[in-house]
Amino acid sequence: MVDQIADSTAGEGHELAAEAAVERARELAARPGRRVLGITGAPAAGKSTLAELVAQAVPGAVVVGMDGFHLAHSVLEARGDVADKGAPWTFDAEGYVALLRRLVAEPPVAVWAPEFHRSVEDAVAGAVLVPPDCPLVVTEGNYLLLQEDPWTAVHVLCDEVWFVDVPERLRVERLVDRHVQFGRTRDAALTRGTEGVDAANARLVAATRGRADVVVVLE
């Protein structure tokens, strides 16, 4: 019955508000075994906020962020890629896909995942425990629906991938505030968000919207 409910409401263009999306996540978690829900969208669209809402509503759910697979800041410095941090090629995408494969393997086992800490601009290995009895893993990040290898495997490994949609003005405001909070000047933050790498990444992610199982509309 749960499968029928999910299948009847899935598909390109189907939109849900946050409350309905959370209920859908509860139905997904009620299925047998460990389920994986992907949440994607442009930078500052509200992916982390929605992931936390779902995790709070589903007992035992764990959030695993794609951002834990950022290449180390020192590596990006050595490559001269710091200005592009956040672009697809600045992640260990193969490592992220390998983690998802471990999360969906049967029988479920304990898995330790990395976590990105904005305060130090680096990931911390083994920071998030997904226990064997975890009913739902919520994984969020920009590139879950990207149509280039190895990213293409992500949608296959997730039970569903949702796209978070938010008014562009609000998204950019949040993005600028985030960069200011972590040390950039407001002018530099605005440039990055509207002209720089974040703007390019947002356009790339927006083009993946039509591949989502569900679009979650946030305000």
Foldseek 3Di string as FASTA:
>chain_A
DLVVVLVVQWAFPREDALVVVLVNLQSQLPDPAAAEEEEAAAQQLCRVVSLVVNPVSHPQEEEAEQLLFFAFPVVCVVVVNNQQGQPPVRGPVVVVLVQLCLCRDPQHAKDFHWDADLLRRHIDGRPTIRHSPRSYYYYYDHQCQQPDPPSPCNCVSHPFYEYEDEPPVVSLVSQLVVVVVNPDDSVVSSCCCCPNNSVVSNVSSVVRSRVGRYYYYDD
